[in-house]
Amino acid sequence: MPTIACHIQMLRPGEATKAHRHTASAVYHVVQGRGRSVVNGQAIDWEDKDVFCVPGWNYHEHANASDTEPAVLFSFTEAPVLRALSLLREQAHPDGNQK
């Protein structure tokens, strides 16, 4: 049974994602760039080579702080095992972003 999923995400200059949450926790490694993530209402500023975690079922969103350079985030989660056990849930934030 697969147990770990890996993702790479590029945020274009000035780009921000919508807030969402899922039962899987996630560990992020900043490959390139700088930005800010909001995790359950708490801002986390990040830059090259930083690592941060998002606990399961916490709303989170990411934004690139640069107007000229992309930001790249690599993440891994235990989503495959939760999916196999029918425990994976995902939900968009009702307002799109956290206040």
N, C-alpha and C. Protein backbone atom coordinates (compact mmCIF):
# COMPACT_ATOMS: atom_id res chain seq x y z
N MET A 1 0.85 -1.18 0.00
CA MET A 1 0.00 0.00 0.00
C MET A 1 0.90 1.24 0.00
N PRO A 2 0.70 2.17 -0.94
CA PRO A 2 1.45 3.43 -0.93
C PRO A 2 1.14 4.21 0.35
N THR A 3 2.15 4.83 0.91
CA THR A 3 1.95 5.55 2.16
C THR A 3 2.32 7.03 2.10
N ILE A 4 3.08 7.45 1.11
CA ILE A 4 3.53 8.84 1.03
C ILE A 4 3.29 9.40 -0.37
N ALA A 5 2.78 10.63 -0.41
CA ALA A 5 2.62 11.36 -1.68
C ALA A 5 3.57 12.55 -1.65
N CYS A 6 4.20 12.84 -2.78
CA CYS A 6 5.10 13.99 -2.91
C CYS A 6 4.55 14.92 -3.99
N HIS A 7 4.68 16.21 -3.73
CA HIS A 7 4.19 17.22 -4.68
C HIS A 7 5.22 18.34 -4.79
N ILE A 8 5.28 18.94 -5.96
CA ILE A 8 6.08 20.15 -6.13
C ILE A 8 5.14 21.21 -6.68
N GLN A 9 5.23 22.40 -6.12
CA GLN A 9 4.28 23.46 -6.44
C GLN A 9 5.06 24.74 -6.73
N MET A 10 4.78 25.35 -7.89
CA MET A 10 5.40 26.63 -8.21
C MET A 10 4.35 27.72 -8.05
N LEU A 11 4.73 28.76 -7.32
CA LEU A 11 3.88 29.95 -7.19
C LEU A 11 4.52 31.04 -8.04
N ARG A 12 3.78 31.52 -9.02
CA ARG A 12 4.30 32.59 -9.88
C ARG A 12 4.49 33.86 -9.05
N PRO A 13 5.26 34.82 -9.54
CA PRO A 13 5.45 36.07 -8.81
C PRO A 13 4.11 36.68 -8.40
N GLY A 14 3.96 36.96 -7.10
CA GLY A 14 2.74 37.56 -6.58
C GLY A 14 1.56 36.62 -6.43
N GLU A 15 1.69 35.37 -6.83
CA GLU A 15 0.57 34.43 -6.79
C GLU A 15 0.27 33.98 -5.36
N ALA A 16 -1.02 33.76 -5.08
CA ALA A 16 -1.47 33.23 -3.80
C ALA A 16 -2.51 32.14 -4.05
N THR A 17 -2.50 31.13 -3.21
CA THR A 17 -3.47 30.04 -3.34
C THR A 17 -4.70 30.33 -2.49
N LYS A 18 -5.76 29.61 -2.73
CA LYS A 18 -6.95 29.65 -1.89
C LYS A 18 -6.71 28.75 -0.67
N ALA A 19 -7.35 29.07 0.43
CA ALA A 19 -7.22 28.26 1.64
C ALA A 19 -8.05 26.99 1.52
N HIS A 20 -7.49 25.91 2.04
CA HIS A 20 -8.20 24.63 2.08
C HIS A 20 -7.62 23.80 3.22
N ARG A 21 -8.27 22.69 3.51
CA ARG A 21 -7.74 21.79 4.53
C ARG A 21 -8.02 20.35 4.12
N HIS A 22 -7.24 19.45 4.68
CA HIS A 22 -7.43 18.02 4.43
C HIS A 22 -6.95 17.26 5.66
N THR A 23 -7.41 16.04 5.79
CA THR A 23 -7.05 15.25 6.96
C THR A 23 -5.58 14.85 6.97
N ALA A 24 -4.93 14.84 5.84
CA ALA A 24 -3.50 14.51 5.77
C ALA A 24 -2.67 15.70 6.26
N SER A 25 -1.65 15.43 7.05
CA SER A 25 -0.69 16.46 7.41
C SER A 25 0.29 16.62 6.25
N ALA A 26 1.04 17.72 6.25
CA ALA A 26 1.99 17.97 5.16
C ALA A 26 3.26 18.59 5.71
N VAL A 27 4.38 18.20 5.14
CA VAL A 27 5.67 18.81 5.44
C VAL A 27 6.13 19.51 4.16
N TYR A 28 6.47 20.79 4.27
CA TYR A 28 6.89 21.59 3.12
C TYR A 28 8.38 21.94 3.23
N HIS A 29 9.08 21.85 2.12
CA HIS A 29 10.46 22.30 2.01
C HIS A 29 10.48 23.39 0.94
N VAL A 30 11.03 24.55 1.28
CA VAL A 30 11.11 25.65 0.32
C VAL A 30 12.33 25.43 -0.57
N VAL A 31 12.07 25.11 -1.82
CA VAL A 31 13.14 24.85 -2.79
C VAL A 31 13.73 26.16 -3.29
N GLN A 32 12.85 27.14 -3.49
CA GLN A 32 13.28 28.41 -4.09
C GLN A 32 12.30 29.49 -3.71
N GLY A 33 12.80 30.70 -3.49
CA GLY A 33 11.95 31.86 -3.30
C GLY A 33 11.65 32.17 -1.85
N ARG A 34 10.69 33.07 -1.68
CA ARG A 34 10.26 33.49 -0.35
C ARG A 34 8.78 33.79 -0.40
N GLY A 35 8.15 33.65 0.73
CA GLY A 35 6.72 33.90 0.77
C GLY A 35 6.16 33.77 2.16
N ARG A 36 4.86 33.58 2.20
CA ARG A 36 4.14 33.47 3.47
C ARG A 36 3.05 32.43 3.32
N SER A 37 2.93 31.61 4.34
CA SER A 37 1.81 30.68 4.43
C SER A 37 1.00 31.05 5.66
N VAL A 38 -0.29 30.87 5.58
CA VAL A 38 -1.16 31.06 6.74
C VAL A 38 -1.72 29.70 7.07
N VAL A 39 -1.44 29.24 8.29
CA VAL A 39 -1.87 27.92 8.75
C VAL A 39 -2.78 28.12 9.95
N ASN A 40 -4.06 27.83 9.75
CA ASN A 40 -5.05 27.96 10.81
C ASN A 40 -5.00 29.35 11.45
N GLY A 41 -4.84 30.38 10.61
CA GLY A 41 -4.84 31.77 11.06
C GLY A 41 -3.48 32.30 11.48
N GLN A 42 -2.45 31.48 11.53
CA GLN A 42 -1.11 31.91 11.94
C GLN A 42 -0.20 32.04 10.73
N ALA A 43 0.40 33.23 10.57
CA ALA A 43 1.29 33.48 9.43
C ALA A 43 2.66 32.87 9.67
N ILE A 44 3.20 32.25 8.63
CA ILE A 44 4.55 31.68 8.65
C ILE A 44 5.30 32.26 7.45
N ASP A 45 6.32 33.07 7.70
CA ASP A 45 7.16 33.59 6.62
C ASP A 45 8.24 32.56 6.33
N TRP A 46 8.52 32.34 5.05
CA TRP A 46 9.52 31.34 4.67
C TRP A 46 10.39 31.85 3.53
N GLU A 47 11.56 31.19 3.40
CA GLU A 47 12.51 31.50 2.32
C GLU A 47 13.28 30.23 1.99
N ASP A 48 14.19 30.34 1.02
CA ASP A 48 14.98 29.18 0.56
C ASP A 48 15.44 28.28 1.70
N LYS A 49 15.24 27.00 1.53
CA LYS A 49 15.72 25.94 2.42
C LYS A 49 14.96 25.82 3.74
N ASP A 50 13.93 26.64 3.97
CA ASP A 50 13.11 26.48 5.18
C ASP A 50 12.25 25.24 5.07
N VAL A 51 11.85 24.71 6.21
CA VAL A 51 10.93 23.58 6.30
C VAL A 51 9.85 23.96 7.30
N PHE A 52 8.59 23.66 6.96
CA PHE A 52 7.49 23.90 7.89
C PHE A 52 6.43 22.82 7.71
N CYS A 53 5.62 22.64 8.74
CA CYS A 53 4.61 21.58 8.74
C CYS A 53 3.21 22.17 8.83
N VAL A 54 2.27 21.48 8.21
CA VAL A 54 0.86 21.81 8.32
C VAL A 54 0.16 20.59 8.91
N PRO A 55 -0.33 20.69 10.15
CA PRO A 55 -1.04 19.55 10.73
C PRO A 55 -2.33 19.24 9.97
N GLY A 56 -2.76 18.02 10.06
CA GLY A 56 -4.00 17.62 9.40
C GLY A 56 -5.19 18.45 9.87
N TRP A 57 -6.10 18.70 8.95
CA TRP A 57 -7.37 19.41 9.14
C TRP A 57 -7.18 20.85 9.60
N ASN A 58 -6.06 21.46 9.24
CA ASN A 58 -5.82 22.88 9.47
C ASN A 58 -5.91 23.60 8.13
N TYR A 59 -6.70 24.67 8.09
CA TYR A 59 -6.74 25.47 6.86
C TYR A 59 -5.35 26.02 6.59
N HIS A 60 -4.96 26.06 5.32
CA HIS A 60 -3.67 26.62 4.94
C HIS A 60 -3.74 27.19 3.53
N GLU A 61 -2.89 28.18 3.31
CA GLU A 61 -2.76 28.83 2.01
C GLU A 61 -1.34 29.36 1.89
N HIS A 62 -0.88 29.55 0.67
CA HIS A 62 0.50 29.96 0.43
C HIS A 62 0.51 31.16 -0.52
N ALA A 63 1.49 32.05 -0.34
CA ALA A 63 1.63 33.21 -1.22
C ALA A 63 3.11 33.48 -1.49
N ASN A 64 3.41 33.81 -2.73
CA ASN A 64 4.76 34.20 -3.13
C ASN A 64 4.93 35.68 -2.80
N ALA A 65 5.97 36.02 -2.03
CA ALA A 65 6.21 37.40 -1.62
C ALA A 65 6.93 38.23 -2.69
N SER A 66 7.44 37.59 -3.73
CA SER A 66 8.19 38.30 -4.76
C SER A 66 7.28 38.69 -5.93
N ASP A 67 7.54 39.87 -6.48
CA ASP A 67 6.83 40.30 -7.68
C ASP A 67 7.59 39.93 -8.95
N THR A 68 8.80 39.36 -8.79
CA THR A 68 9.62 39.09 -9.97
C THR A 68 10.09 37.64 -10.09
N GLU A 69 10.19 36.91 -8.99
CA GLU A 69 10.74 35.56 -9.00
C GLU A 69 9.70 34.53 -8.56
N PRO A 70 9.71 33.34 -9.15
CA PRO A 70 8.80 32.29 -8.69
C PRO A 70 9.26 31.73 -7.34
N ALA A 71 8.34 31.12 -6.63
CA ALA A 71 8.65 30.37 -5.41
C ALA A 71 8.28 28.91 -5.67
N VAL A 72 9.08 27.99 -5.15
CA VAL A 72 8.84 26.57 -5.37
C VAL A 72 8.80 25.86 -4.02
N LEU A 73 7.71 25.13 -3.78
CA LEU A 73 7.53 24.36 -2.55
C LEU A 73 7.44 22.88 -2.89
N PHE A 74 8.20 22.07 -2.17
CA PHE A 74 8.12 20.61 -2.27
C PHE A 74 7.44 20.13 -1.00
N SER A 75 6.45 19.24 -1.14
CA SER A 75 5.75 18.75 0.06
C SER A 75 5.53 17.26 -0.02
N PHE A 76 5.37 16.67 1.15
CA PHE A 76 4.96 15.27 1.20
C PHE A 76 3.92 15.08 2.29
N THR A 77 3.01 14.13 2.05
CA THR A 77 1.90 13.86 2.96
C THR A 77 1.67 12.35 3.06
N GLU A 78 0.86 11.97 4.02
CA GLU A 78 0.44 10.58 4.15
C GLU A 78 -0.92 10.34 3.51
N ALA A 79 -1.29 11.18 2.55
CA ALA A 79 -2.60 11.08 1.90
C ALA A 79 -2.90 9.71 1.31
N PRO A 80 -1.95 9.01 0.67
CA PRO A 80 -2.30 7.71 0.09
C PRO A 80 -2.81 6.69 1.10
N VAL A 81 -2.20 6.65 2.27
CA VAL A 81 -2.67 5.67 3.26
C VAL A 81 -4.03 6.08 3.81
N LEU A 82 -4.26 7.38 3.99
CA LEU A 82 -5.57 7.83 4.45
C LEU A 82 -6.64 7.53 3.39
N ARG A 83 -6.29 7.72 2.12
CA ARG A 83 -7.23 7.40 1.03
C ARG A 83 -7.56 5.90 1.04
N ALA A 84 -6.55 5.06 1.19
CA ALA A 84 -6.76 3.61 1.19
C ALA A 84 -7.66 3.17 2.35
N LEU A 85 -7.61 3.90 3.45
CA LEU A 85 -8.42 3.57 4.62
C LEU A 85 -9.74 4.35 4.65
N SER A 86 -10.05 5.06 3.55
CA SER A 86 -11.27 5.88 3.44
C SER A 86 -11.33 6.96 4.52
N LEU A 87 -10.18 7.52 4.87
CA LEU A 87 -10.11 8.56 5.89
C LEU A 87 -9.68 9.92 5.33
N LEU A 88 -9.42 10.01 4.05
CA LEU A 88 -8.97 11.28 3.46
C LEU A 88 -10.18 12.15 3.17
N ARG A 89 -10.16 13.35 3.72
CA ARG A 89 -11.20 14.35 3.48
C ARG A 89 -10.52 15.65 3.09
N GLU A 90 -11.17 16.42 2.21
CA GLU A 90 -10.65 17.72 1.78
C GLU A 90 -11.79 18.72 1.80
N GLN A 91 -11.47 19.97 2.11
CA GLN A 91 -12.51 21.01 2.18
C GLN A 91 -11.89 22.37 1.86
N ALA A 92 -12.53 23.12 0.98
CA ALA A 92 -12.12 24.49 0.68
C ALA A 92 -12.61 25.40 1.80
N HIS A 93 -11.87 26.47 2.06
CA HIS A 93 -12.30 27.46 3.05
C HIS A 93 -13.55 28.15 2.53
N PRO A 94 -14.58 28.32 3.35
CA PRO A 94 -15.83 28.91 2.86
C PRO A 94 -15.68 30.34 2.32
N ASP A 95 -14.68 31.09 2.81
CA ASP A 95 -14.46 32.46 2.35
C ASP A 95 -13.36 32.56 1.30
N GLY A 96 -12.77 31.44 0.92
CA GLY A 96 -11.69 31.45 -0.06
C GLY A 96 -10.33 31.63 0.57
N ASN A 97 -10.22 32.57 1.51
CA ASN A 97 -8.96 32.82 2.22
C ASN A 97 -9.25 33.08 3.69
N GLN A 98 -8.24 32.88 4.51
CA GLN A 98 -8.37 33.15 5.94
C GLN A 98 -8.25 34.65 6.17
N LYS A 99 -8.90 35.15 7.14
CA LYS A 99 -8.85 36.59 7.45
C LYS A 99 -7.60 36.92 8.22
